[in-house]
Protein backbone atom coordinates (compact mmCIF):
# COMPACT_ATOMS: atom_id res chain seq x y z
CA UNK A 1 -14.48 -21.52 2.60
CA UNK A 2 -13.35 -18.06 3.62
CA UNK A 3 -10.39 -17.73 5.94
CA UNK A 4 -11.09 -16.21 9.34
CA UNK A 5 -8.45 -13.64 10.23
CA UNK A 6 -8.67 -12.54 13.86
CA UNK A 7 -7.34 -9.00 14.31
CA UNK A 8 -6.48 -7.44 17.67
CA UNK A 9 -5.98 -3.73 18.07
CA UNK A 10 -7.77 -0.49 18.66
CA UNK A 11 -10.15 1.38 16.40
CA UNK A 12 -9.86 1.88 13.55
CA UNK A 13 -9.11 -1.81 13.04
CA UNK A 14 -9.24 -1.53 9.25
CA UNK A 15 -8.01 1.97 8.36
CA UNK A 16 -8.09 1.10 4.65
CA UNK A 17 -11.91 1.16 4.87
CA UNK A 18 -12.07 4.81 5.95
CA UNK A 19 -12.70 6.16 2.44
CA UNK A 20 -15.34 3.50 1.77
CA UNK A 21 -17.01 4.33 5.09
CA UNK A 22 -17.07 8.04 4.21
CA UNK A 23 -18.55 7.15 0.80
CA UNK A 24 -21.36 5.15 2.43
CA UNK A 25 -19.99 1.83 1.16
CA UNK A 26 -19.49 0.34 4.63
CA UNK A 27 -22.32 -0.56 6.98
CA UNK A 28 -21.52 -0.58 10.70
CA UNK A 29 -24.02 -2.93 12.31
CA UNK A 30 -23.75 -2.03 15.95
CA UNK A 31 -26.41 -1.61 18.55
CA UNK A 32 -29.82 -1.53 16.92
CA UNK A 33 -28.74 -3.70 13.99
CA UNK A 34 -31.76 -5.07 12.14
CA UNK A 35 -30.58 -8.67 12.46
CA UNK A 36 -27.46 -10.73 13.07
CA UNK A 37 -27.94 -14.50 13.15
CA UNK A 38 -25.68 -17.54 13.25
CA UNK A 39 -26.92 -20.92 12.02
CA UNK A 40 -25.14 -24.22 12.54
CA UNK A 41 -25.24 -26.56 9.57
CA UNK A 42 -24.79 -30.22 10.37
CA UNK A 43 -22.67 -31.70 7.58
CA UNK A 44 -22.37 -28.30 5.88
CA UNK A 45 -18.81 -28.91 4.67
CA UNK A 46 -17.95 -31.06 1.64
CA UNK A 47 -16.15 -33.30 4.12
CA UNK A 48 -19.38 -33.79 6.04
CA UNK A 49 -18.13 -31.78 9.02
CA UNK A 50 -20.30 -28.99 10.47
CA UNK A 51 -20.21 -25.42 9.24
CA UNK A 52 -21.97 -22.25 10.22
CA UNK A 53 -23.47 -19.34 8.39
CA UNK A 54 -23.49 -15.78 9.68
CA UNK A 55 -26.44 -13.74 8.40
CA UNK A 56 -26.30 -9.95 8.49
CA UNK A 57 -29.37 -7.98 7.52
CA UNK A 58 -28.37 -4.52 6.30
CA UNK A 59 -30.36 -1.33 6.93
CA UNK A 60 -31.39 -1.20 3.25
CA UNK A 61 -32.91 -4.70 3.50
CA UNK A 62 -30.09 -6.52 1.71
CA UNK A 63 -28.78 -9.64 3.38
CA UNK A 64 -25.14 -10.77 3.59
CA UNK A 65 -24.39 -14.41 4.37
CA UNK A 66 -20.92 -15.79 5.06
CA UNK A 67 -20.22 -19.48 5.66
CA UNK A 68 -17.20 -20.96 7.39
CA UNK A 69 -16.31 -24.21 9.08
CA UNK A 70 -17.19 -24.79 12.70
CA UNK A 71 -13.50 -25.59 13.27
CA UNK A 72 -12.34 -22.18 11.96
CA UNK A 73 -15.02 -20.34 13.93
CA UNK A 74 -14.06 -22.23 17.07
CA UNK A 75 -10.38 -21.37 16.50
CA UNK A 76 -11.33 -17.68 16.18
CA UNK A 77 -13.33 -17.97 19.40
CA UNK A 78 -10.33 -19.56 21.15
CA UNK A 79 -8.07 -16.72 19.98
CA UNK A 80 -10.50 -14.09 21.29
CA UNK A 81 -10.91 -15.91 24.59
CA UNK A 82 -7.14 -16.23 24.89
CA UNK A 83 -6.72 -12.49 24.39
CA UNK A 84 -9.69 -11.17 26.38
CA UNK A 85 -10.71 -14.03 28.67
CA UNK A 86 -14.26 -15.20 29.13
CA UNK A 87 -16.97 -12.59 28.58
CA UNK A 88 -18.47 -11.15 31.72
């Protein structure tokens, strides 16, 4: 499973991607993104614990899927809530 690394800061968050962005190798899926979905998978982990998959549909029609454990995603959520509070 991928590690979730929660980063706090101001833009640009990942300055090392600037050259890739300029070369058209980075897609920024903001407002108007074709599709962003999250699916919960009961028993998705080898351990039998739940996982989730994040699906990103890119403008060129390609699809990126990333899976992580529910526990890691929840920890990332807790870190964001701790920093920014509940969304309003």
